[in-house]
């Protein structure tokens, strides 16, 4: 019975939201980090990594932490669009996130412009 309660739970955000691509040059991992720092998803430990073909989000229960804690792996491919990354990060947040969060994430290009100038 204990094994049933500890069964792994993995949730994958639907791919149709995350397939948008872009040829725009920007640091996608830095953009995702900035989005995470702005959104600060509660009780979620997030690992970012480079992906290959499409954004992939995997989420599961973090059993070693308090109830409701989760882990997430966000894989970001080299052609992911800002919008797709922002939607993936916003999907990790709570349902009570401010409604303007996507506008805030998509309108914040300061980090990327500074990196492009270097």
Protein backbone atom coordinates (compact mmCIF):
# COMPACT_ATOMS: atom_id res chain seq x y z
CA UNK A 1 0.00 0.00 0.00
CA UNK A 2 2.88 2.38 0.77
CA UNK A 3 4.27 1.70 -2.71
CA UNK A 4 0.95 2.80 -4.23
CA UNK A 5 1.16 6.13 -2.42
CA UNK A 6 4.75 6.64 -3.56
CA UNK A 7 4.12 5.85 -7.21
CA UNK A 8 5.78 8.38 -9.46
CA UNK A 9 3.60 11.02 -10.99
CA UNK A 10 4.80 12.70 -14.16
CA UNK A 11 2.83 15.42 -15.89
CA UNK A 12 3.84 16.70 -19.30
CA UNK A 13 2.50 20.06 -20.51
CA UNK A 14 0.81 19.53 -23.91
CA UNK A 15 3.18 19.85 -26.86
CA UNK A 16 0.81 21.94 -28.98
CA UNK A 17 1.54 24.91 -26.71
CA UNK A 18 5.30 24.49 -26.85
CA UNK A 19 6.14 23.84 -30.52
CA UNK A 20 6.50 27.47 -31.64
CA UNK A 21 9.96 28.21 -33.04
CA UNK A 22 11.91 31.35 -33.90
CA UNK A 23 15.09 32.23 -35.77
CA UNK A 24 15.62 35.21 -33.45
CA UNK A 25 19.09 35.18 -31.87
CA UNK A 26 18.99 35.30 -28.08
CA UNK A 27 20.17 33.27 -25.10
CA UNK A 28 17.19 31.01 -24.50
CA UNK A 29 18.48 29.56 -21.22
CA UNK A 30 19.11 33.08 -19.84
CA UNK A 31 15.61 34.07 -20.94
CA UNK A 32 14.14 31.06 -19.11
CA UNK A 33 16.21 31.85 -16.00
CA UNK A 34 14.95 35.45 -16.08
CA UNK A 35 11.37 34.24 -16.50
CA UNK A 36 11.78 31.88 -13.53
CA UNK A 37 13.23 34.67 -11.38
CA UNK A 38 10.27 36.92 -12.23
CA UNK A 39 7.59 34.26 -11.79
CA UNK A 40 9.13 32.37 -8.84
CA UNK A 41 6.96 29.24 -9.05
CA UNK A 42 6.13 28.24 -5.46
CA UNK A 43 7.39 24.89 -4.13
CA UNK A 44 8.95 23.88 -7.49
CA UNK A 45 12.59 22.93 -8.00
CA UNK A 46 13.38 23.57 -11.67
CA UNK A 47 16.27 22.20 -13.73
CA UNK A 48 16.95 23.91 -17.06
CA UNK A 49 18.75 22.13 -19.88
CA UNK A 50 19.27 22.41 -23.61
CA UNK A 51 16.82 20.42 -25.66
CA UNK A 52 16.96 19.18 -29.23
CA UNK A 53 13.72 19.60 -31.20
CA UNK A 54 11.00 21.09 -28.99
CA UNK A 55 10.41 22.43 -25.52
CA UNK A 56 9.70 19.65 -23.10
CA UNK A 57 8.40 20.08 -19.57
CA UNK A 58 8.25 17.22 -17.12
CA UNK A 59 6.85 17.71 -13.64
CA UNK A 60 6.59 15.33 -10.72
CA UNK A 61 6.05 15.16 -6.97
CA UNK A 62 9.13 15.83 -4.86
CA UNK A 63 8.64 13.21 -2.15
CA UNK A 64 11.52 14.34 0.07
CA UNK A 65 9.99 17.79 0.59
CA UNK A 66 6.78 19.18 2.07
CA UNK A 67 3.43 18.10 0.61
CA UNK A 68 2.71 19.94 -2.63
CA UNK A 69 6.40 20.29 -3.55
CA UNK A 70 7.29 19.41 -7.12
CA UNK A 71 10.31 19.06 -9.39
CA UNK A 72 10.40 20.14 -13.01
CA UNK A 73 12.78 19.66 -15.92
CA UNK A 74 12.51 22.26 -18.66
CA UNK A 75 14.36 21.37 -21.88
CA UNK A 76 14.80 24.29 -24.27
CA UNK A 77 15.85 23.70 -27.90
CA UNK A 78 18.00 26.16 -29.86
CA UNK A 79 15.04 27.46 -31.94
CA UNK A 80 12.40 27.86 -29.22
CA UNK A 81 10.47 31.12 -29.38
CA UNK A 82 10.24 33.56 -26.49
CA UNK A 83 6.50 32.95 -26.33
CA UNK A 84 6.92 29.15 -26.07
CA UNK A 85 9.53 29.53 -23.30
CA UNK A 86 7.35 32.05 -21.44
CA UNK A 87 4.32 29.73 -21.68
CA UNK A 88 6.36 26.77 -20.41
CA UNK A 89 7.66 28.76 -17.42
CA UNK A 90 4.22 30.24 -16.70
CA UNK A 91 2.82 26.69 -16.71
CA UNK A 92 5.07 25.87 -13.76
CA UNK A 93 3.59 28.68 -11.68
CA UNK A 94 0.54 28.68 -9.51
CA UNK A 95 -2.95 29.29 -10.85
CA UNK A 96 -3.08 32.58 -8.93
CA UNK A 97 -0.24 34.12 -10.98
CA UNK A 98 -0.97 37.68 -12.10
CA UNK A 99 -2.79 37.80 -15.47
CA UNK A 100 -0.14 40.09 -16.95
CA UNK A 101 2.70 37.63 -16.35
CA UNK A 102 3.06 36.66 -20.03
CA UNK A 103 3.13 40.31 -21.12
CA UNK A 104 5.78 40.96 -18.50
CA UNK A 105 7.91 38.01 -19.65
CA UNK A 106 7.59 38.75 -23.35
CA UNK A 107 8.23 42.46 -22.90
CA UNK A 108 11.47 41.99 -20.97
CA UNK A 109 14.27 42.00 -23.56
CA UNK A 110 16.89 43.91 -21.52
CA UNK A 111 18.84 40.77 -20.56
CA UNK A 112 18.96 39.49 -24.14
CA UNK A 113 19.86 42.82 -25.73
CA UNK A 114 22.76 43.27 -23.32
CA UNK A 115 24.08 39.79 -24.17
CA UNK A 116 23.76 40.39 -27.92
CA UNK A 117 25.87 43.55 -27.63
CA UNK A 118 28.78 41.64 -26.02
